[in-house]
Amino acid sequence: MKAARWIDVGRVECEEVPLPSPADGEILVRNAYTSICGSDLHSVYGGPPPRLVPAGYPGHESVGEVVESRCPGFEPGDRVLTVPHFVDGRCMAEYQALPGSACVGLPGTVPLSHLLMAQQLGTVIFALRQHPLDLVGRDVAVIGQGSAGAFFTFLLKRAGAARVLVSDKSAARLAYSRKLGADLTVEADADDFRSAVLEATSGRGAGLVVEAVGSQETFPLSVQLAADHATVLWFGLPEGTGDYPLSFHEFFRKFLTAYAISGTQGEPGLESFRYAVRLIADGAIDVAPLLSHMLPIEKVGEAYRMAHDRTDGALKVSIRF
């Protein structure tokens, strides 16, 4: 089969490797599509790969069809969303063997390419469910409008936020965010977004701030945008392993509450992913614009460069098999 292999910093190549075999409790999935996640980019561009990198890694977002099952509840021909833990991801390959507990069954009436977006949407749903907030009538700010940030925009507006104020460096991403309900979109650096949020809120700041980038540049901004007694959600995966700057004086003075969330794949029953599937299948959210760039597995290196550099108006770069 064809599979991606992480070779060096910023270098991913396609190569031929043996097909995997499912063990007891596992299923063998023929992937149709997989997507490049921000966490994949952090790994590939953040440093050299580990000494032994399995084929298909990194990659933890895919949809496909079961071709062999050694797990009760799954049969050949079933369509599935695969949601393995990041460290176990082997989705950048034509086939992958993984536990049935890391898969969600999919309806047969919706394009698989659309349902691929349920993985990222599910992680955002999970993050908001961990600390439910009454957002009705409150202004919220979202830093970053990649697929995760855009899904926060959609869900926060759906939850009754008065205004959703967002920023990104990509005009294409901001255009999609407006379709999902963003009230203010700022294509600018951190200082510009801070000024825009404070002006829009008469100097108060936002009642909820979501940091959906994970960079050292945007992390301090999450506290600066927050109103007194606000909540801050740190969702973006951190870059590297170093410490991030934070004004604890401002955090303390504003009486803020903050939390970070990961681990959707460990949720009992994978309910957040299942809800994401229903939202897409029912047409509650239009994810078609996210399918901006779909490249064959043979061009996986080009796909990674495009996703990293955000070239050609890329929203979500995906791979087809």
Protein backbone atom coordinates (compact mmCIF):
# COMPACT_ATOMS: atom_id res chain seq x y z
CA MET A 1 0.00 0.00 0.00
CA LYS A 2 0.97 3.66 -0.30
CA ALA A 3 1.65 5.51 2.94
CA ALA A 4 3.19 8.76 4.12
CA ARG A 5 6.50 8.62 5.97
CA TRP A 6 7.89 11.44 8.12
CA ILE A 7 11.50 11.67 6.98
CA ASP A 8 12.91 14.88 8.45
CA VAL A 9 11.91 18.34 9.67
CA GLY A 10 9.25 19.57 7.25
CA ARG A 11 9.74 16.54 5.00
CA VAL A 12 7.07 13.89 4.42
CA GLU A 13 7.21 11.45 1.52
CA CYS A 14 5.01 8.76 -0.01
CA GLU A 15 6.36 5.23 -0.13
CA GLU A 16 5.22 1.63 -0.58
CA VAL A 17 4.85 -0.43 2.62
CA PRO A 18 3.22 -3.76 3.56
CA LEU A 19 -0.46 -3.83 4.47
CA PRO A 20 -1.15 -4.11 8.21
CA SER A 21 -3.10 -7.04 9.68
CA PRO A 22 -5.80 -6.48 12.31
CA ALA A 23 -5.41 -8.15 15.70
CA ASP A 24 -8.26 -9.30 17.93
CA GLY A 25 -10.50 -6.34 18.70
CA GLU A 26 -9.29 -4.45 15.65
CA ILE A 27 -10.62 -3.67 12.19
CA LEU A 28 -8.80 -3.08 8.92
CA VAL A 29 -9.97 0.13 7.25
CA ARG A 30 -9.39 1.16 3.65
CA ASN A 31 -9.03 4.92 4.00
CA ALA A 32 -10.81 7.16 1.52
CA TYR A 33 -9.65 10.53 2.89
CA THR A 34 -7.47 11.88 5.65
CA SER A 35 -6.71 15.43 6.77
CA ILE A 36 -3.65 17.25 8.02
CA CYS A 37 -4.25 18.58 11.52
CA GLY A 38 -2.45 21.44 13.21
CA SER A 39 -0.97 18.94 15.65
CA ASP A 40 0.53 17.05 12.68
CA LEU A 41 2.17 20.27 11.52
CA HIS A 42 3.55 20.93 14.99
CA SER A 43 5.20 17.51 14.91
CA VAL A 44 6.58 17.56 11.37
CA TYR A 45 7.87 21.13 11.51
CA GLY A 46 8.74 21.25 15.21
CA GLY A 47 11.85 19.09 15.10
CA PRO A 48 13.35 15.89 13.74
CA PRO A 49 11.22 12.74 13.82
CA PRO A 50 11.77 9.97 16.35
CA ARG A 51 14.28 7.35 15.29
CA LEU A 52 11.59 4.88 14.24
CA VAL A 53 8.50 6.45 12.67
CA PRO A 54 5.69 4.09 11.61
CA ALA A 55 4.16 4.43 8.18
CA GLY A 56 1.10 6.68 8.16
CA TYR A 57 2.24 8.72 11.17
CA PRO A 58 1.44 11.42 12.08
CA GLY A 59 -2.19 11.28 11.06
CA HIS A 60 -5.30 10.77 13.19
CA GLU A 61 -8.21 12.07 11.08
CA SER A 62 -9.62 9.75 8.44
CA VAL A 63 -12.75 8.17 7.00
CA GLY A 64 -13.01 4.93 5.10
CA GLU A 65 -14.56 1.50 4.75
CA VAL A 66 -14.06 -1.63 6.81
CA VAL A 67 -12.50 -4.42 4.74
CA GLU A 68 -11.84 -6.90 7.56
CA SER A 69 -13.19 -7.02 11.10
CA ARG A 70 -12.02 -8.83 14.19
CA CYS A 71 -14.16 -6.61 16.41
CA PRO A 72 -17.84 -7.20 17.22
CA GLY A 73 -20.09 -4.44 15.91
CA PHE A 74 -18.22 -3.84 12.66
CA GLU A 75 -18.64 -5.65 9.35
CA PRO A 76 -16.91 -5.38 5.98
CA GLY A 77 -18.49 -2.55 4.03
CA ASP A 78 -19.23 -0.39 7.08
CA ARG A 79 -18.23 3.26 6.71
CA VAL A 80 -16.30 4.64 9.67
CA LEU A 81 -14.70 7.75 11.08
CA THR A 82 -11.40 6.82 12.72
CA VAL A 83 -10.40 8.75 15.84
CA PRO A 84 -7.25 7.15 17.28
CA HIS A 85 -5.14 8.92 19.88
CA PHE A 86 -2.56 11.15 18.25
CA VAL A 87 0.37 8.91 19.20
CA ASP A 88 -1.43 5.88 17.72
CA GLY A 89 -2.46 7.58 14.48
CA ARG A 90 -1.59 5.79 11.23
CA CYS A 91 -4.16 7.54 9.05
CA MET A 92 -1.78 8.77 6.34
CA ALA A 93 -1.95 5.40 4.60
CA GLU A 94 -4.25 3.55 2.24
CA TYR A 95 -5.05 1.01 4.96
CA GLN A 96 -4.86 1.08 8.74
CA ALA A 97 -5.55 -1.46 11.46
CA LEU A 98 -6.93 0.01 14.67
CA PRO A 99 -9.23 -0.88 17.57
CA GLY A 100 -12.93 -0.76 16.91
CA SER A 101 -13.18 1.41 20.04
CA ALA A 102 -11.38 4.14 18.05
CA CYS A 103 -14.00 4.20 15.29
CA VAL A 104 -17.46 5.70 14.83
CA GLY A 105 -19.96 4.29 12.35
CA LEU A 106 -21.10 6.67 9.60
CA PRO A 107 -24.37 7.06 7.68
CA GLY A 108 -24.34 6.06 4.04
CA THR A 109 -26.11 9.14 2.71
CA VAL A 110 -23.43 11.82 3.24
CA PRO A 111 -20.17 12.16 1.27
CA LEU A 112 -17.27 10.68 3.18
CA SER A 113 -15.19 13.77 2.45
CA HIS A 114 -17.69 15.87 4.43
CA LEU A 115 -17.84 13.44 7.33
CA LEU A 116 -14.05 13.60 7.57
CA MET A 117 -14.54 17.00 9.24
CA ALA A 118 -16.39 15.33 12.14
CA GLN A 119 -13.07 14.45 13.79
CA GLN A 120 -12.00 18.07 14.29
CA LEU A 121 -15.54 19.21 15.04
CA GLY A 122 -15.82 16.49 17.68
CA THR A 123 -12.76 17.74 19.55
CA VAL A 124 -14.23 21.25 19.71
CA ILE A 125 -17.58 19.92 20.95
CA PHE A 126 -15.75 17.94 23.63
CA ALA A 127 -13.79 21.01 24.77
CA LEU A 128 -16.94 23.08 25.25
CA ARG A 129 -18.74 20.27 27.07
CA GLN A 130 -16.08 19.99 29.78
CA HIS A 131 -16.93 23.36 31.36
CA PRO A 132 -20.43 24.37 30.19
CA LEU A 133 -20.99 28.12 30.18
CA ASP A 134 -24.02 30.35 29.85
CA LEU A 135 -23.02 32.37 26.78
CA VAL A 136 -26.37 33.94 25.96
CA GLY A 137 -25.88 37.65 25.40
CA ARG A 138 -22.11 37.56 26.04
CA ASP A 139 -19.36 38.62 23.64
CA VAL A 140 -16.76 35.95 22.89
CA ALA A 141 -13.42 36.10 21.08
CA VAL A 142 -11.70 33.32 19.14
CA ILE A 143 -8.02 33.60 18.23
CA GLY A 144 -7.34 31.65 15.05
CA GLN A 145 -9.80 30.43 12.42
CA GLY A 146 -8.34 27.17 11.21
CA SER A 147 -10.86 24.35 11.17
CA ALA A 148 -10.93 24.17 14.99
CA GLY A 149 -11.30 27.92 15.43
CA ALA A 150 -14.03 28.04 12.78
CA PHE A 151 -15.93 25.26 14.55
CA PHE A 152 -15.69 27.21 17.81
CA THR A 153 -17.20 30.18 15.97
CA PHE A 154 -20.10 28.04 14.77
CA LEU A 155 -20.79 26.40 18.14
CA LEU A 156 -20.46 29.57 20.21
CA LYS A 157 -22.86 31.44 17.97
CA ARG A 158 -25.21 28.46 18.13
CA ALA A 159 -24.97 28.57 21.94
CA GLY A 160 -26.35 32.12 21.99
CA ALA A 161 -23.28 34.34 22.13
CA ALA A 162 -24.19 37.95 21.41
CA ARG A 163 -21.18 38.53 19.18
CA VAL A 164 -18.35 36.25 18.08
CA LEU A 165 -15.18 38.24 17.41
CA VAL A 166 -12.45 36.36 15.53
CA SER A 167 -9.01 36.83 14.03
CA ASP A 168 -6.74 35.03 11.60
CA LYS A 169 -4.01 35.86 9.11
CA SER A 170 -5.93 34.20 6.26
CA ALA A 171 -8.63 36.11 4.40
CA ALA A 172 -10.07 32.82 3.10
CA ARG A 173 -10.49 31.47 6.62
CA LEU A 174 -12.16 34.65 7.79
CA ALA A 175 -14.58 34.53 4.86
CA TYR A 176 -15.65 31.03 5.94
CA SER A 177 -16.00 32.21 9.55
CA ARG A 178 -18.44 34.89 8.47
CA LYS A 179 -20.58 32.17 6.90
CA LEU A 180 -20.58 30.36 10.25
CA GLY A 181 -21.77 33.43 12.13
CA ALA A 182 -18.72 35.51 13.04
CA ASP A 183 -19.77 39.10 13.76
CA LEU A 184 -16.32 40.71 13.59
CA THR A 185 -13.39 39.32 11.60
CA VAL A 186 -9.92 40.82 11.86
CA GLU A 187 -7.13 39.92 9.43
CA ALA A 188 -4.30 41.29 11.49
CA ASP A 189 -1.62 40.70 14.08
CA ALA A 190 -2.16 40.38 17.81
CA ASP A 191 -2.11 44.11 18.57
CA ASP A 192 -4.75 44.83 15.92
CA PHE A 193 -7.13 42.17 17.22
CA ARG A 194 -6.72 43.39 20.80
CA SER A 195 -7.61 46.91 19.73
CA ALA A 196 -10.59 45.68 17.72
CA VAL A 197 -12.01 43.60 20.58
CA LEU A 198 -11.60 46.37 23.15
CA GLU A 199 -13.23 48.89 20.80
CA ALA A 200 -16.14 46.54 20.03
CA THR A 201 -16.76 45.88 23.73
CA SER A 202 -16.29 49.48 24.95
CA GLY A 203 -13.08 48.49 26.68
CA ARG A 204 -14.52 45.58 28.67
CA GLY A 205 -13.10 42.66 26.71
CA ALA A 206 -14.71 39.31 25.93
CA GLY A 207 -16.57 37.11 28.39
CA LEU A 208 -14.99 34.01 26.86
CA VAL A 209 -11.71 33.86 24.96
CA VAL A 210 -10.68 30.79 22.96
CA GLU A 211 -7.04 30.45 21.91
CA ALA A 212 -7.17 28.01 18.96
CA VAL A 213 -3.64 28.50 17.58
CA GLY A 214 -1.21 27.38 20.25
CA SER A 215 1.63 29.74 19.34
CA GLN A 216 3.80 31.80 21.66
CA GLU A 217 2.65 34.87 19.74
CA THR A 218 -1.06 34.40 20.40
CA PHE A 219 -1.02 32.82 23.86
CA PRO A 220 -0.50 36.07 25.86
CA LEU A 221 -3.27 37.68 23.82
CA SER A 222 -5.83 35.33 25.35
CA VAL A 223 -5.49 37.08 28.71
CA GLN A 224 -5.35 40.55 27.19
CA LEU A 225 -8.69 40.06 25.40
CA ALA A 226 -10.52 38.80 28.49
CA ALA A 227 -12.99 40.89 30.46
CA ASP A 228 -13.01 40.81 34.26
CA HIS A 229 -14.29 37.47 35.58
CA ALA A 230 -14.06 35.96 32.07
CA THR A 231 -13.16 32.40 31.09
CA VAL A 232 -10.18 31.53 28.89
CA LEU A 233 -10.01 28.26 26.96
CA TRP A 234 -6.55 27.22 25.76
CA PHE A 235 -7.27 24.77 22.93
CA GLY A 236 -4.34 25.21 20.53
CA LEU A 237 -1.57 22.63 20.81
CA PRO A 238 1.59 24.30 22.19
CA GLU A 239 4.60 24.69 19.95
CA GLY A 240 7.58 22.73 21.21
CA THR A 241 8.18 22.04 24.89
CA GLY A 242 9.32 25.45 26.16
CA ASP A 243 7.43 27.72 28.57
CA TYR A 244 4.97 30.30 27.28
CA PRO A 245 4.81 33.95 28.40
CA LEU A 246 1.84 34.97 30.51
CA SER A 247 1.07 38.06 32.60
CA PHE A 248 -0.02 36.49 35.86
CA HIS A 249 -0.54 39.99 37.29
CA GLU A 250 -3.20 40.68 34.63
CA PHE A 251 -4.66 37.19 34.99
CA PHE A 252 -4.98 37.62 38.77
CA ARG A 253 -6.26 41.20 38.64
CA LYS A 254 -9.04 40.24 36.22
CA PHE A 255 -10.19 37.27 38.35
CA LEU A 256 -9.96 34.97 35.34
CA THR A 257 -10.69 31.26 35.04
CA ALA A 258 -8.69 29.28 32.46
CA TYR A 259 -8.47 25.69 31.37
CA ALA A 260 -6.85 23.58 28.68
CA ILE A 261 -8.52 20.59 27.06
CA SER A 262 -7.35 17.54 25.12
CA GLY A 263 -8.14 13.83 25.06
CA THR A 264 -11.42 13.65 23.16
CA GLN A 265 -10.40 10.19 21.97
CA GLY A 266 -10.69 8.90 25.54
CA GLU A 267 -14.29 10.02 26.00
CA PRO A 268 -16.57 7.10 26.93
CA GLY A 269 -18.72 6.22 23.94
CA LEU A 270 -17.06 8.89 21.79
CA GLU A 271 -20.25 10.94 22.16
CA SER A 272 -18.73 14.24 21.02
CA PHE A 273 -17.58 12.67 17.73
CA ARG A 274 -21.00 11.09 17.26
CA TYR A 275 -22.71 14.44 17.79
CA ALA A 276 -20.34 16.01 15.26
CA VAL A 277 -21.34 13.37 12.71
CA ARG A 278 -25.01 14.18 13.29
CA LEU A 279 -24.48 17.93 12.87
CA ILE A 280 -22.81 17.37 9.50
CA ALA A 281 -25.21 14.66 8.35
CA ASP A 282 -28.26 16.78 9.26
CA GLY A 283 -26.91 19.81 7.39
CA ALA A 284 -26.66 21.97 10.51
CA ILE A 285 -23.18 23.07 9.42
CA ASP A 286 -21.78 23.35 5.91
CA VAL A 287 -18.25 21.93 5.94
CA ALA A 288 -17.86 21.85 2.14
CA PRO A 289 -15.77 25.06 2.05
CA LEU A 290 -13.19 23.38 4.31
CA LEU A 291 -12.47 20.87 1.56
CA SER A 292 -10.45 23.52 -0.21
CA HIS A 293 -7.48 21.35 -1.19
CA MET A 294 -7.59 17.59 -1.73
CA LEU A 295 -4.32 16.06 -2.96
CA PRO A 296 -3.48 12.43 -3.78
CA ILE A 297 -1.28 10.53 -1.33
CA GLU A 298 1.56 10.66 -3.87
CA LYS A 299 1.70 14.43 -3.25
CA VAL A 300 1.66 14.25 0.56
CA GLY A 301 4.85 16.31 0.80
CA GLU A 302 3.29 19.11 -1.20
CA ALA A 303 0.16 18.85 0.94
CA TYR A 304 2.15 19.35 4.14
CA ARG A 305 3.93 22.38 2.70
CA MET A 306 0.64 23.87 1.57
CA ALA A 307 -0.96 23.34 5.00
CA HIS A 308 2.06 24.79 6.80
CA ASP A 309 2.47 27.85 4.56
CA ARG A 310 -1.29 28.37 4.04
CA THR A 311 -0.70 28.86 0.34
CA ASP A 312 -3.39 29.25 -2.31
CA GLY A 313 -6.09 30.12 0.24
CA ALA A 314 -5.83 26.73 1.94
CA LEU A 315 -8.43 26.15 4.65
CA LYS A 316 -8.05 22.44 5.38
CA VAL A 317 -5.61 20.38 3.35
CA SER A 318 -6.65 16.75 2.93
CA ILE A 319 -5.37 13.61 1.26
CA ARG A 320 -7.36 11.27 -0.96
CA PHE A 321 -6.58 7.62 -1.69
